Amino acid sequence: MKKLLILSLCLSLGACSTLAPIIGLATTNVTPTDVFIASNAFDAIEAGGTAFLTYCHANKDIPAICSTTNRRNVIQYGRAGRAARNQAETYVQTSTSIPAAVYNAMVTATANLKTTPATDYIGK
């Protein structure tokens, strides 16, 4: 079961790199479809970040990967992305367009999470 979870996580994170050319920063309002794509990409990479933090919590003796800086970055980018995703979901429910600033915050959080070791984490 654990290997299946790890495999699905790896596939989902790999999908983020495939979506990278599709997801770019917007200069005007974006459609709900664009937000759904960006939201799904963020959800996938956030799951990897959560698994990474769980691993680091259980294995504090691995300082290189689980450094305080790496953990803080994953937490910071995850919170920023969740806040933007939640705000975007509110706009999707009440409007036909989403402000570029909200969309860009979510895309930026996804890109920032991709720079952390959480995206390379495959589980132990």
PDB file of N, CA and C in Angstrom:
ATOM      1  N   MET A   1       0.831  -1.189   0.000  1.00  0.00           N
ATOM      2  CA  MET A   1       0.000   0.000   0.000  1.00  0.00           C
ATOM      3  C   MET A   1       0.876   1.253   0.000  1.00  0.00           C
ATOM      4  N   LYS A   2       1.937   1.212   0.824  1.00  0.00           N
ATOM      5  CA  LYS A   2       2.823   2.368   0.914  1.00  0.00           C
ATOM      6  C   LYS A   2       3.508   2.624  -0.429  1.00  0.00           C
ATOM      7  N   LYS A   3       3.908   1.547  -1.108  1.00  0.00           N
ATOM      8  CA  LYS A   3       4.562   1.714  -2.408  1.00  0.00           C
ATOM      9  C   LYS A   3       3.598   2.281  -3.439  1.00  0.00           C
ATOM     10  N   LEU A   4       2.339   1.896  -3.355  1.00  0.00           N
ATOM     11  CA  LEU A   4       1.333   2.431  -4.268  1.00  0.00           C
ATOM     12  C   LEU A   4       1.153   3.927  -4.043  1.00  0.00           C
ATOM     13  N   LEU A   5       1.132   4.337  -2.781  1.00  0.00           N
ATOM     14  CA  LEU A   5       1.015   5.753  -2.455  1.00  0.00           C
ATOM     15  C   LEU A   5       2.221   6.524  -2.972  1.00  0.00           C
ATOM     16  N   ILE A   6       3.391   5.963  -2.788  1.00  0.00           N
ATOM     17  CA  ILE A   6       4.619   6.619  -3.250  1.00  0.00           C
ATOM     18  C   ILE A   6       4.614   6.727  -4.772  1.00  0.00           C
ATOM     19  N   LEU A   7       4.197   5.657  -5.439  1.00  0.00           N
ATOM     20  CA  LEU A   7       4.140   5.682  -6.898  1.00  0.00           C
ATOM     21  C   LEU A   7       3.165   6.743  -7.393  1.00  0.00           C
ATOM     22  N   SER A   8       1.995   6.812  -6.786  1.00  0.00           N
ATOM     23  CA  SER A   8       1.019   7.810  -7.222  1.00  0.00           C
ATOM     24  C   SER A   8       1.517   9.220  -6.955  1.00  0.00           C
ATOM     25  N   LEU A   9       2.233   9.402  -5.846  1.00  0.00           N
ATOM     26  CA  LEU A   9       2.795  10.708  -5.535  1.00  0.00           C
ATOM     27  C   LEU A   9       3.838  11.098  -6.572  1.00  0.00           C
ATOM     28  N   CYS A  10       4.711  10.158  -6.924  1.00  0.00           N
ATOM     29  CA  CYS A  10       5.735  10.448  -7.926  1.00  0.00           C
ATOM     30  C   CYS A  10       5.112  10.800  -9.273  1.00  0.00           C
ATOM     31  N   LEU A  11       4.083  10.055  -9.652  1.00  0.00           N
ATOM     32  CA  LEU A  11       3.418  10.342 -10.916  1.00  0.00           C
ATOM     33  C   LEU A  11       2.745  11.701 -10.889  1.00  0.00           C
ATOM     34  N   SER A  12       2.149  12.038  -9.755  1.00  0.00           N
ATOM     35  CA  SER A  12       1.471  13.329  -9.681  1.00  0.00           C
ATOM     36  C   SER A  12       2.473  14.476  -9.715  1.00  0.00           C
ATOM     37  N   LEU A  13       3.624  14.298  -9.071  1.00  0.00           N
ATOM     38  CA  LEU A  13       4.628  15.357  -9.103  1.00  0.00           C
ATOM     39  C   LEU A  13       5.240  15.465 -10.490  1.00  0.00           C
ATOM     40  N   GLY A  14       5.371  14.354 -11.171  1.00  0.00           N
ATOM     41  CA  GLY A  14       5.851  14.386 -12.539  1.00  0.00           C
ATOM     42  C   GLY A  14       4.886  15.136 -13.437  1.00  0.00           C
ATOM     43  N   ALA A  15       3.612  15.026 -13.136  1.00  0.00           N
ATOM     44  CA  ALA A  15       2.602  15.739 -13.913  1.00  0.00           C
ATOM     45  C   ALA A  15       2.750  17.241 -13.755  1.00  0.00           C
ATOM     46  N   CYS A  16       3.253  17.686 -12.604  1.00  0.00           N
ATOM     47  CA  CYS A  16       3.460  19.126 -12.401  1.00  0.00           C
ATOM     48  C   CYS A  16       4.456  19.672 -13.409  1.00  0.00           C
ATOM     49  N   SER A  17       5.503  18.902 -13.686  1.00  0.00           N
ATOM     50  CA  SER A  17       6.480  19.400 -14.646  1.00  0.00           C
ATOM     51  C   SER A  17       5.887  19.438 -16.053  1.00  0.00           C
ATOM     52  N   THR A  18       4.941  18.555 -16.338  1.00  0.00           N
ATOM     53  CA  THR A  18       4.271  18.573 -17.624  1.00  0.00           C
ATOM     54  C   THR A  18       3.362  19.790 -17.749  1.00  0.00           C
ATOM     55  N   LEU A  19       2.765  20.200 -16.646  1.00  0.00           N
ATOM     56  CA  LEU A  19       1.862  21.344 -16.675  1.00  0.00           C
ATOM     57  C   LEU A  19       2.604  22.678 -16.701  1.00  0.00           C
ATOM     58  N   ALA A  20       3.890  22.658 -16.412  1.00  0.00           N
ATOM     59  CA  ALA A  20       4.642  23.906 -16.312  1.00  0.00           C
ATOM     60  C   ALA A  20       4.499  24.808 -17.535  1.00  0.00           C
ATOM     61  N   PRO A  21       4.583  24.267 -18.760  1.00  0.00           N
ATOM     62  CA  PRO A  21       4.410  25.166 -19.905  1.00  0.00           C
ATOM     63  C   PRO A  21       2.987  25.716 -20.020  1.00  0.00           C
ATOM     64  N   ILE A  22       2.016  24.978 -19.517  1.00  0.00           N
ATOM     65  CA  ILE A  22       0.626  25.411 -19.612  1.00  0.00           C
ATOM     66  C   ILE A  22       0.340  26.522 -18.610  1.00  0.00           C
ATOM     67  N   ILE A  23       0.901  26.360 -17.406  1.00  0.00           N
ATOM     68  CA  ILE A  23       0.611  27.299 -16.332  1.00  0.00           C
ATOM     69  C   ILE A  23       1.657  28.399 -16.354  1.00  0.00           C
ATOM     70  N   GLY A  24       1.245  29.594 -16.642  1.00  0.00           N
ATOM     71  CA  GLY A  24       2.139  30.736 -16.633  1.00  0.00           C
ATOM     72  C   GLY A  24       1.500  31.863 -15.848  1.00  0.00           C
ATOM     73  N   LEU A  25       2.248  32.898 -15.620  1.00  0.00           N
ATOM     74  CA  LEU A  25       1.703  34.038 -14.902  1.00  0.00           C
ATOM     75  C   LEU A  25       0.751  34.801 -15.812  1.00  0.00           C
ATOM     76  N   ALA A  26      -0.323  35.241 -15.230  1.00  0.00           N
ATOM     77  CA  ALA A  26      -1.345  35.962 -15.983  1.00  0.00           C
ATOM     78  C   ALA A  26      -1.206  37.461 -15.765  1.00  0.00           C
ATOM     79  N   THR A  27      -1.631  38.230 -16.751  1.00  0.00           N
ATOM     80  CA  THR A  27      -1.592  39.689 -16.623  1.00  0.00           C
ATOM     81  C   THR A  27      -2.994  40.275 -16.502  1.00  0.00           C
ATOM     82  N   THR A  28      -4.007  39.480 -16.818  1.00  0.00           N
ATOM     83  CA  THR A  28      -5.394  39.921 -16.692  1.00  0.00           C
ATOM     84  C   THR A  28      -6.162  38.853 -15.929  1.00  0.00           C
ATOM     85  N   ASN A  29      -7.452  39.028 -15.815  1.00  0.00           N
ATOM     86  CA  ASN A  29      -8.274  38.024 -15.144  1.00  0.00           C
ATOM     87  C   ASN A  29      -8.175  36.688 -15.884  1.00  0.00           C
ATOM     88  N   VAL A  30      -8.303  35.607 -15.134  1.00  0.00           N
ATOM     89  CA  VAL A  30      -8.217  34.280 -15.726  1.00  0.00           C
ATOM     90  C   VAL A  30      -9.547  33.548 -15.559  1.00  0.00           C
ATOM     91  N   THR A  31      -9.727  32.516 -16.349  1.00  0.00           N
ATOM     92  CA  THR A  31     -10.977  31.762 -16.319  1.00  0.00           C
ATOM     93  C   THR A  31     -10.935  30.699 -15.221  1.00  0.00           C
ATOM     94  N   PRO A  32     -12.086  30.213 -14.802  1.00  0.00           N
ATOM     95  CA  PRO A  32     -12.114  29.133 -13.814  1.00  0.00           C
ATOM     96  C   PRO A  32     -11.368  27.882 -14.280  1.00  0.00           C
ATOM     97  N   THR A  33     -11.375  27.599 -15.570  1.00  0.00           N
ATOM     98  CA  THR A  33     -10.647  26.430 -16.084  1.00  0.00           C
ATOM     99  C   THR A  33      -9.156  26.540 -15.789  1.00  0.00           C
ATOM    100  N   ASP A  34      -8.590  27.730 -16.003  1.00  0.00           N
ATOM    101  CA  ASP A  34      -7.174  27.945 -15.702  1.00  0.00           C
ATOM    102  C   ASP A  34      -6.900  27.760 -14.211  1.00  0.00           C
ATOM    103  N   VAL A  35      -7.823  28.213 -13.401  1.00  0.00           N
ATOM    104  CA  VAL A  35      -7.662  28.097 -11.952  1.00  0.00           C
ATOM    105  C   VAL A  35      -7.725  26.635 -11.530  1.00  0.00           C
ATOM    106  N   PHE A  36      -8.611  25.857 -12.143  1.00  0.00           N
ATOM    107  CA  PHE A  36      -8.703  24.431 -11.804  1.00  0.00           C
ATOM    108  C   PHE A  36      -7.398  23.711 -12.121  1.00  0.00           C
ATOM    109  N   ILE A  37      -6.794  24.024 -13.256  1.00  0.00           N
ATOM    110  CA  ILE A  37      -5.525  23.397 -13.635  1.00  0.00           C
ATOM    111  C   ILE A  37      -4.438  23.774 -12.637  1.00  0.00           C
ATOM    112  N   ALA A  38      -4.330  25.055 -12.332  1.00  0.00           N
ATOM    113  CA  ALA A  38      -3.306  25.513 -11.391  1.00  0.00           C
ATOM    114  C   ALA A  38      -3.565  24.958  -9.991  1.00  0.00           C
ATOM    115  N   SER A  39      -4.824  24.880  -9.607  1.00  0.00           N
ATOM    116  CA  SER A  39      -5.178  24.358  -8.292  1.00  0.00           C
ATOM    117  C   SER A  39      -4.821  22.881  -8.166  1.00  0.00           C
ATOM    118  N   ASN A  40      -5.084  22.117  -9.209  1.00  0.00           N
ATOM    119  CA  ASN A  40      -4.736  20.699  -9.188  1.00  0.00           C
ATOM    120  C   ASN A  40      -3.229  20.484  -9.146  1.00  0.00           C
ATOM    121  N   ALA A  41      -2.490  21.304  -9.866  1.00  0.00           N
ATOM    122  CA  ALA A  41      -1.027  21.213  -9.823  1.00  0.00           C
ATOM    123  C   ALA A  41      -0.526  21.537  -8.419  1.00  0.00           C
ATOM    124  N   PHE A  42      -1.097  22.566  -7.811  1.00  0.00           N
ATOM    125  CA  PHE A  42      -0.691  22.905  -6.447  1.00  0.00           C
ATOM    126  C   PHE A  42      -1.051  21.783  -5.479  1.00  0.00           C
ATOM    127  N   ASP A  43      -2.241  21.227  -5.601  1.00  0.00           N
ATOM    128  CA  ASP A  43      -2.658  20.135  -4.712  1.00  0.00           C
ATOM    129  C   ASP A  43      -1.693  18.954  -4.786  1.00  0.00           C
ATOM    130  N   ALA A  44      -1.253  18.622  -5.991  1.00  0.00           N
ATOM    131  CA  ALA A  44      -0.336  17.494  -6.162  1.00  0.00           C
ATOM    132  C   ALA A  44       1.003  17.761  -5.491  1.00  0.00           C
ATOM    133  N   ILE A  45       1.534  18.937  -5.715  1.00  0.00           N
ATOM    134  CA  ILE A  45       2.845  19.225  -5.132  1.00  0.00           C
ATOM    135  C   ILE A  45       2.734  19.468  -3.626  1.00  0.00           C
ATOM    136  N   GLU A  46       1.595  19.963  -3.174  1.00  0.00           N
ATOM    137  CA  GLU A  46       1.390  20.140  -1.736  1.00  0.00           C
ATOM    138  C   GLU A  46       1.349  18.791  -1.032  1.00  0.00           C
ATOM    139  N   ALA A  47       0.782  17.779  -1.671  1.00  0.00           N
ATOM    140  CA  ALA A  47       0.764  16.430  -1.091  1.00  0.00           C
ATOM    141  C   ALA A  47       2.191  15.920  -0.909  1.00  0.00           C
ATOM    142  N   GLY A  48       3.051  16.206  -1.881  1.00  0.00           N
ATOM    143  CA  GLY A  48       4.461  15.836  -1.747  1.00  0.00           C
ATOM    144  C   GLY A  48       5.133  16.578  -0.608  1.00  0.00           C
ATOM    145  N   GLY A  49       4.807  17.844  -0.462  1.00  0.00           N
ATOM    146  CA  GLY A  49       5.362  18.631   0.638  1.00  0.00           C
ATOM    147  C   GLY A  49       4.920  18.111   1.992  1.00  0.00           C
ATOM    148  N   THR A  50       3.663  17.719   2.096  1.00  0.00           N
ATOM    149  CA  THR A  50       3.146  17.168   3.352  1.00  0.00           C
ATOM    150  C   THR A  50       3.842  15.850   3.686  1.00  0.00           C
ATOM    151  N   ALA A  51       4.020  14.987   2.683  1.00  0.00           N
ATOM    152  CA  ALA A  51       4.721  13.725   2.909  1.00  0.00           C
ATOM    153  C   ALA A  51       6.170  13.974   3.315  1.00  0.00           C
ATOM    154  N   PHE A  52       6.804  14.959   2.697  1.00  0.00           N
ATOM    155  CA  PHE A  52       8.180  15.314   3.044  1.00  0.00           C
ATOM    156  C   PHE A  52       8.274  15.779   4.493  1.00  0.00           C
ATOM    157  N   LEU A  53       7.361  16.626   4.914  1.00  0.00           N
ATOM    158  CA  LEU A  53       7.388  17.114   6.294  1.00  0.00           C
ATOM    159  C   LEU A  53       7.123  15.986   7.284  1.00  0.00           C
ATOM    160  N   THR A  54       6.242  15.075   6.940  1.00  0.00           N
ATOM    161  CA  THR A  54       5.984  13.920   7.801  1.00  0.00           C
ATOM    162  C   THR A  54       7.232  13.066   7.922  1.00  0.00           C
ATOM    163  N   TYR A  55       7.907  12.834   6.808  1.00  0.00           N
ATOM    164  CA  TYR A  55       9.146  12.065   6.808  1.00  0.00           C
ATOM    165  C   TYR A  55      10.203  12.757   7.671  1.00  0.00           C
ATOM    166  N   CYS A  56      10.359  14.056   7.512  1.00  0.00           N
ATOM    167  CA  CYS A  56      11.365  14.792   8.273  1.00  0.00           C
ATOM    168  C   CYS A  56      11.052  14.779   9.767  1.00  0.00           C
ATOM    169  N   HIS A  57       9.786  14.835  10.107  1.00  0.00           N
ATOM    170  CA  HIS A  57       9.404  14.797  11.520  1.00  0.00           C
ATOM    171  C   HIS A  57       9.777  13.460  12.150  1.00  0.00           C
ATOM    172  N   ALA A  58       9.626  12.397  11.389  1.00  0.00           N
ATOM    173  CA  ALA A  58       9.944  11.065  11.907  1.00  0.00           C
ATOM    174  C   ALA A  58      11.432  10.749  11.832  1.00  0.00           C
ATOM    175  N   ASN A  59      12.181  11.444  10.995  1.00  0.00           N
ATOM    176  CA  ASN A  59      13.607  11.155  10.783  1.00  0.00           C
ATOM    177  C   ASN A  59      14.435  12.424  10.954  1.00  0.00           C
ATOM    178  N   LYS A  60      14.479  12.936  12.134  1.00  0.00           N
ATOM    179  CA  LYS A  60      15.184  14.195  12.387  1.00  0.00           C
ATOM    180  C   LYS A  60      16.697  14.057  12.314  1.00  0.00           C
ATOM    181  N   ASP A  61      17.199  12.826  12.179  1.00  0.00           N
ATOM    182  CA  ASP A  61      18.637  12.605  12.127  1.00  0.00           C
ATOM    183  C   ASP A  61      19.223  12.761  10.723  1.00  0.00           C
ATOM    184  N   ILE A  62      18.432  13.241   9.761  1.00  0.00           N
ATOM    185  CA  ILE A  62      18.910  13.470   8.397  1.00  0.00           C
ATOM    186  C   ILE A  62      18.958  14.979   8.170  1.00  0.00           C
ATOM    187  N   PRO A  63      20.023  15.624   8.625  1.00  0.00           N
ATOM    188  CA  PRO A  63      20.059  17.092   8.604  1.00  0.00           C
ATOM    189  C   PRO A  63      20.146  17.714   7.213  1.00  0.00           C
ATOM    190  N   ALA A  64      20.785  17.051   6.255  1.00  0.00           N
ATOM    191  CA  ALA A  64      20.970  17.674   4.941  1.00  0.00           C
ATOM    192  C   ALA A  64      19.636  17.881   4.227  1.00  0.00           C
ATOM    193  N   ILE A  65      18.838  16.848   4.174  1.00  0.00           N
ATOM    194  CA  ILE A  65      17.556  16.946   3.467  1.00  0.00           C
ATOM    195  C   ILE A  65      16.527  17.678   4.317  1.00  0.00           C
ATOM    196  N   CYS A  66      16.484  17.337   5.582  1.00  0.00           N
ATOM    197  CA  CYS A  66      15.448  17.857   6.479  1.00  0.00           C
ATOM    198  C   CYS A  66      15.941  19.046   7.300  1.00  0.00           C
ATOM    199  N   SER A  67      16.721  19.896   6.682  1.00  0.00           N
ATOM    200  CA  SER A  67      17.218  21.064   7.413  1.00  0.00           C
ATOM    201  C   SER A  67      16.056  21.980   7.791  1.00  0.00           C
ATOM    202  N   THR A  68      16.296  22.783   8.780  1.00  0.00           N
ATOM    203  CA  THR A  68      15.276  23.725   9.233  1.00  0.00           C
ATOM    204  C   THR A  68      14.854  24.646   8.094  1.00  0.00           C
ATOM    205  N   THR A  69      15.791  25.085   7.301  1.00  0.00           N
ATOM    206  CA  THR A  69      15.491  25.977   6.177  1.00  0.00           C
ATOM    207  C   THR A  69      14.570  25.292   5.168  1.00  0.00           C
ATOM    208  N   ASN A  70      14.889  24.049   4.832  1.00  0.00           N
ATOM    209  CA  ASN A  70      14.047  23.325   3.864  1.00  0.00           C
ATOM    210  C   ASN A  70      12.633  23.136   4.391  1.00  0.00           C
ATOM    211  N   ARG A  71      12.525  22.750   5.651  1.00  0.00           N
ATOM    212  CA  ARG A  71      11.195  22.540   6.235  1.00  0.00           C
ATOM    213  C   ARG A  71      10.419  23.850   6.289  1.00  0.00           C
ATOM    214  N   ARG A  72      11.073  24.923   6.689  1.00  0.00           N
ATOM    215  CA  ARG A  72      10.395  26.226   6.760  1.00  0.00           C
ATOM    216  C   ARG A  72       9.924  26.690   5.391  1.00  0.00           C
ATOM    217  N   ASN A  73      10.743  26.476   4.372  1.00  0.00           N
ATOM    218  CA  ASN A  73      10.350  26.874   3.017  1.00  0.00           C
ATOM    219  C   ASN A  73       9.130  26.094   2.546  1.00  0.00           C
ATOM    220  N   VAL A  74       9.119  24.783   2.805  1.00  0.00           N
ATOM    221  CA  VAL A  74       7.967  23.968   2.400  1.00  0.00           C
ATOM    222  C   VAL A  74       6.712  24.459   3.110  1.00  0.00           C
ATOM    223  N   ILE A  75       6.831  24.749   4.388  1.00  0.00           N
ATOM    224  CA  ILE A  75       5.676  25.239   5.157  1.00  0.00           C
ATOM    225  C   ILE A  75       5.218  26.595   4.633  1.00  0.00           C
ATOM    226  N   GLN A  76       6.158  27.501   4.424  1.00  0.00           N
ATOM    227  CA  GLN A  76       5.821  28.849   3.962  1.00  0.00           C
ATOM    228  C   GLN A  76       5.150  28.821   2.591  1.00  0.00           C
ATOM    229  N   TYR A  77       5.734  28.092   1.652  1.00  0.00           N
ATOM    230  CA  TYR A  77       5.165  28.036   0.303  1.00  0.00           C
ATOM    231  C   TYR A  77       3.829  27.301   0.303  1.00  0.00           C
ATOM    232  N   GLY A  78       3.709  26.285   1.133  1.00  0.00           N
ATOM    233  CA  GLY A  78       2.441  25.562   1.236  1.00  0.00           C
ATOM    234  C   GLY A  78       1.327  26.450   1.760  1.00  0.00           C
ATOM    235  N   ARG A  79       1.625  27.231   2.786  1.00  0.00           N
ATOM    236  CA  ARG A  79       0.611  28.143   3.341  1.00  0.00           C
ATOM    237  C   ARG A  79       0.208  29.203   2.332  1.00  0.00           C
ATOM    238  N   ALA A  80       1.190  29.756   1.631  1.00  0.00           N
ATOM    239  CA  ALA A  80       0.891  30.786   0.631  1.00  0.00           C
ATOM    240  C   ALA A  80       0.020  30.217  -0.484  1.00  0.00           C
ATOM    241  N   GLY A  81       0.341  29.021  -0.933  1.00  0.00           N
ATOM    242  CA  GLY A  81      -0.432  28.389  -1.987  1.00  0.00           C
ATOM    243  C   GLY A  81      -1.845  28.041  -1.547  1.00  0.00           C
ATOM    244  N   ARG A  82      -1.981  27.533  -0.317  1.00  0.00           N
ATOM    245  CA  ARG A  82      -3.324  27.204   0.198  1.00  0.00           C
ATOM    246  C   ARG A  82      -4.182  28.444   0.307  1.00  0.00           C
ATOM    247  N   ALA A  83      -3.588  29.538   0.789  1.00  0.00           N
ATOM    248  CA  ALA A  83      -4.350  30.787   0.924  1.00  0.00           C
ATOM    249  C   ALA A  83      -4.821  31.266  -0.453  1.00  0.00           C
ATOM    250  N   ALA A  84      -3.926  31.217  -1.444  1.00  0.00           N
ATOM    251  CA  ALA A  84      -4.298  31.646  -2.794  1.00  0.00           C
ATOM    252  C   ALA A  84      -5.334  30.703  -3.395  1.00  0.00           C
ATOM    253  N   ARG A  85      -5.161  29.394  -3.182  1.00  0.00           N
ATOM    254  CA  ARG A  85      -6.129  28.432  -3.724  1.00  0.00           C
ATOM    255  C   ARG A  85      -7.507  28.641  -3.110  1.00  0.00           C
ATOM    256  N   ASN A  86      -7.555  28.836  -1.805  1.00  0.00           N
ATOM    257  CA  ASN A  86      -8.844  29.054  -1.138  1.00  0.00           C
ATOM    258  C   ASN A  86      -9.516  30.322  -1.636  1.00  0.00           C
ATOM    259  N   GLN A  87      -8.731  31.366  -1.832  1.00  0.00           N
ATOM    260  CA  GLN A  87      -9.279  32.619  -2.338  1.00  0.00           C
ATOM    261  C   GLN A  87      -9.772  32.438  -3.775  1.00  0.00           C
ATOM    262  N   ALA A  88      -9.014  31.704  -4.588  1.00  0.00           N
ATOM    263  CA  ALA A  88      -9.419  31.463  -5.970  1.00  0.00           C
ATOM    264  C   ALA A  88     -10.703  30.647  -6.021  1.00  0.00           C
ATOM    265  N   GLU A  89     -10.836  29.664  -5.137  1.00  0.00           N
ATOM    266  CA  GLU A  89     -12.055  28.857  -5.113  1.00  0.00           C
ATOM    267  C   GLU A  89     -13.275  29.707  -4.763  1.00  0.00           C
ATOM    268  N   THR A  90     -13.096  30.695  -3.905  1.00  0.00           N
ATOM    269  CA  THR A  90     -14.188  31.606  -3.574  1.00  0.00           C
ATOM    270  C   THR A  90     -14.608  32.400  -4.804  1.00  0.00           C
ATOM    271  N   TYR A  91     -13.621  32.884  -5.554  1.00  0.00           N
ATOM    272  CA  TYR A  91     -13.933  33.621  -6.789  1.00  0.00           C
ATOM    273  C   TYR A  91     -14.635  32.731  -7.803  1.00  0.00           C
ATOM    274  N   VAL A  92     -14.216  31.474  -7.911  1.00  0.00           N
ATOM    275  CA  VAL A  92     -14.834  30.556  -8.878  1.00  0.00           C
ATOM    276  C   VAL A  92     -16.309  30.364  -8.558  1.00  0.00           C
ATOM    277  N   GLN A  93     -16.644  30.320  -7.281  1.00  0.00           N
ATOM    278  CA  GLN A  93     -18.033  30.109  -6.878  1.00  0.00           C
ATOM    279  C   GLN A  93     -18.900  31.351  -7.082  1.00  0.00           C
ATOM    280  N   THR A  94     -18.294  32.530  -7.046  1.00  0.00           N
ATOM    281  CA  THR A  94     -19.088  33.758  -7.086  1.00  0.00           C
ATOM    282  C   THR A  94     -18.900  34.591  -8.356  1.00  0.00           C
ATOM    283  N   SER A  95     -17.969  34.209  -9.223  1.00  0.00           N
ATOM    284  CA  SER A  95     -17.673  35.047 -10.381  1.00  0.00           C
ATOM    285  C   SER A  95     -17.246  34.183 -11.563  1.00  0.00           C
ATOM    286  N   THR A  96     -17.186  34.786 -12.723  1.00  0.00           N
ATOM    287  CA  THR A  96     -16.729  34.067 -13.906  1.00  0.00           C
ATOM    288  C   THR A  96     -15.264  34.334 -14.204  1.00  0.00           C
ATOM    289  N   SER A  97     -14.654  35.264 -13.475  1.00  0.00           N
ATOM    290  CA  SER A  97     -13.236  35.543 -13.685  1.00  0.00           C
ATOM    291  C   SER A  97     -12.532  35.687 -12.339  1.00  0.00           C
ATOM    292  N   ILE A  98     -11.274  35.365 -12.349  1.00  0.00           N
ATOM    293  CA  ILE A  98     -10.461  35.388 -11.132  1.00  0.00           C
ATOM    294  C   ILE A  98      -9.346  36.408 -11.358  1.00  0.00           C
ATOM    295  N   PRO A  99      -9.095  37.279 -10.377  1.00  0.00           N
ATOM    296  CA  PRO A  99      -8.022  38.268 -10.539  1.00  0.00           C
ATOM    297  C   PRO A  99      -6.672  37.599 -10.767  1.00  0.00           C
ATOM    298  N   ALA A 100      -5.882  38.191 -11.627  1.00  0.00           N
ATOM    299  CA  ALA A 100      -4.570  37.646 -11.951  1.00  0.00           C
ATOM    300  C   ALA A 100      -3.684  37.537 -10.717  1.00  0.00           C
ATOM    301  N   ALA A 101      -3.810  38.462  -9.777  1.00  0.00           N
ATOM    302  CA  ALA A 101      -2.959  38.439  -8.590  1.00  0.00           C
ATOM    303  C   ALA A 101      -3.175  37.167  -7.762  1.00  0.00           C
ATOM    304  N   VAL A 102      -4.420  36.729  -7.644  1.00  0.00           N
ATOM    305  CA  VAL A 102      -4.721  35.512  -6.888  1.00  0.00           C
ATOM    306  C   VAL A 102      -4.164  34.297  -7.619  1.00  0.00           C
ATOM    307  N   TYR A 103      -4.409  34.236  -8.908  1.00  0.00           N
ATOM    308  CA  TYR A 103      -3.909  33.135  -9.737  1.00  0.00           C
ATOM    309  C   TYR A 103      -2.386  33.092  -9.693  1.00  0.00           C
ATOM    310  N   ASN A 104      -1.754  34.248  -9.863  1.00  0.00           N
ATOM    311  CA  ASN A 104      -0.294  34.303  -9.877  1.00  0.00           C
ATOM    312  C   ASN A 104       0.303  33.889  -8.536  1.00  0.00           C
ATOM    313  N   ALA A 105      -0.376  34.209  -7.436  1.00  0.00           N
ATOM    314  CA  ALA A 105       0.123  33.794  -6.115  1.00  0.00           C
ATOM    315  C   ALA A 105       0.131  32.274  -6.009  1.00  0.00           C
ATOM    316  N   MET A 106      -0.890  31.622  -6.541  1.00  0.00           N
ATOM    317  CA  MET A 106      -0.952  30.167  -6.492  1.00  0.00           C
ATOM    318  C   MET A 106       0.115  29.544  -7.404  1.00  0.00           C
ATOM    319  N   VAL A 107       0.279  30.086  -8.590  1.00  0.00           N
ATOM    320  CA  VAL A 107       1.290  29.577  -9.523  1.00  0.00           C
ATOM    321  C   VAL A 107       2.687  29.785  -8.944  1.00  0.00           C
ATOM    322  N   THR A 108       2.926  30.923  -8.321  1.00  0.00           N
ATOM    323  CA  THR A 108       4.228  31.198  -7.719  1.00  0.00           C
ATOM    324  C   THR A 108       4.509  30.246  -6.560  1.00  0.00           C
ATOM    325  N   ALA A 109       3.503  29.981  -5.737  1.00  0.00           N
ATOM    326  CA  ALA A 109       3.683  29.033  -4.629  1.00  0.00           C
ATOM    327  C   ALA A 109       4.007  27.643  -5.165  1.00  0.00           C
ATOM    328  N   THR A 110       3.356  27.240  -6.241  1.00  0.00           N
ATOM    329  CA  THR A 110       3.644  25.939  -6.858  1.00  0.00           C
ATOM    330  C   THR A 110       5.080  25.904  -7.369  1.00  0.00           C
ATOM    331  N   ALA A 111       5.491  26.959  -8.045  1.00  0.00           N
ATOM    332  CA  ALA A 111       6.864  27.026  -8.567  1.00  0.00           C
ATOM    333  C   ALA A 111       7.875  27.028  -7.422  1.00  0.00           C
ATOM    334  N   ASN A 112       7.576  27.743  -6.346  1.00  0.00           N
ATOM    335  CA  ASN A 112       8.489  27.781  -5.199  1.00  0.00           C
ATOM    336  C   ASN A 112       8.589  26.416  -4.525  1.00  0.00           C
ATOM    337  N   LEU A 113       7.473  25.724  -4.396  1.00  0.00           N
ATOM    338  CA  LEU A 113       7.515  24.380  -3.805  1.00  0.00           C
ATOM    339  C   LEU A 113       8.340  23.430  -4.661  1.00  0.00           C
ATOM    340  N   LYS A 114       8.326  23.642  -5.966  1.00  0.00           N
ATOM    341  CA  LYS A 114       9.117  22.787  -6.855  1.00  0.00           C
ATOM    342  C   LYS A 114      10.615  22.990  -6.649  1.00  0.00           C
ATOM    343  N   THR A 115      11.024  24.089  -6.025  1.00  0.00           N
ATOM    344  CA  THR A 115      12.447  24.331  -5.787  1.00  0.00           C
ATOM    345  C   THR A 115      12.943  23.685  -4.501  1.00  0.00           C
ATOM    346  N   THR A 116      12.051  23.126  -3.717  1.00  0.00           N
ATOM    347  CA  THR A 116      12.442  22.523  -2.448  1.00  0.00           C
ATOM    348  C   THR A 116      12.717  21.026  -2.618  1.00  0.00           C
ATOM    349  N   PRO A 117      13.393  20.424  -1.650  1.00  0.00           N
ATOM    350  CA  PRO A 117      13.639  18.985  -1.715  1.00  0.00           C
ATOM    351  C   PRO A 117      12.360  18.145  -1.640  1.00  0.00           C
ATOM    352  N   ALA A 118      11.260  18.749  -1.295  1.00  0.00           N
ATOM    353  CA  ALA A 118       9.988  18.006  -1.194  1.00  0.00           C
ATOM    354  C   ALA A 118       9.610  17.382  -2.529  1.00  0.00           C
ATOM    355  N   THR A 119       9.983  17.992  -3.640  1.00  0.00           N
ATOM    356  CA  THR A 119       9.605  17.436  -4.938  1.00  0.00           C
ATOM    357  C   THR A 119      10.456  16.229  -5.294  1.00  0.00           C
ATOM    358  N   ASP A 120      11.616  16.096  -4.676  1.00  0.00           N
ATOM    359  CA  ASP A 120      12.476  14.940  -4.923  1.00  0.00           C
ATOM    360  C   ASP A 120      12.240  13.807  -3.947  1.00  0.00           C
ATOM    361  N   TYR A 121      11.422  14.072  -2.945  1.00  0.00           N
ATOM    362  CA  TYR A 121      11.169  13.062  -1.922  1.00  0.00           C
ATOM    363  C   TYR A 121      10.303  11.946  -2.484  1.00  0.00           C
ATOM    364  N   ILE A 122      10.789  10.713  -2.355  1.00  0.00           N
ATOM    365  CA  ILE A 122      10.009   9.560  -2.849  1.00  0.00           C
ATOM    366  C   ILE A 122       9.639   8.600  -1.733  1.00  0.00           C
ATOM    367  N   GLY A 123       9.957   8.948  -0.520  1.00  0.00           N
ATOM    368  CA  GLY A 123       9.587   8.082   0.599  1.00  0.00           C
ATOM    369  C   GLY A 123      10.660   7.059   0.910  1.00  0.00           C
ATOM    370  N   LYS A 124      10.650   6.626   2.107  1.00  0.00           N
ATOM    371  CA  LYS A 124      11.615   5.609   2.578  1.00  0.00           C
ATOM    372  C   LYS A 124      10.895   4.461   3.190  1.00  0.00           C
TER     373      LYS A 124
END
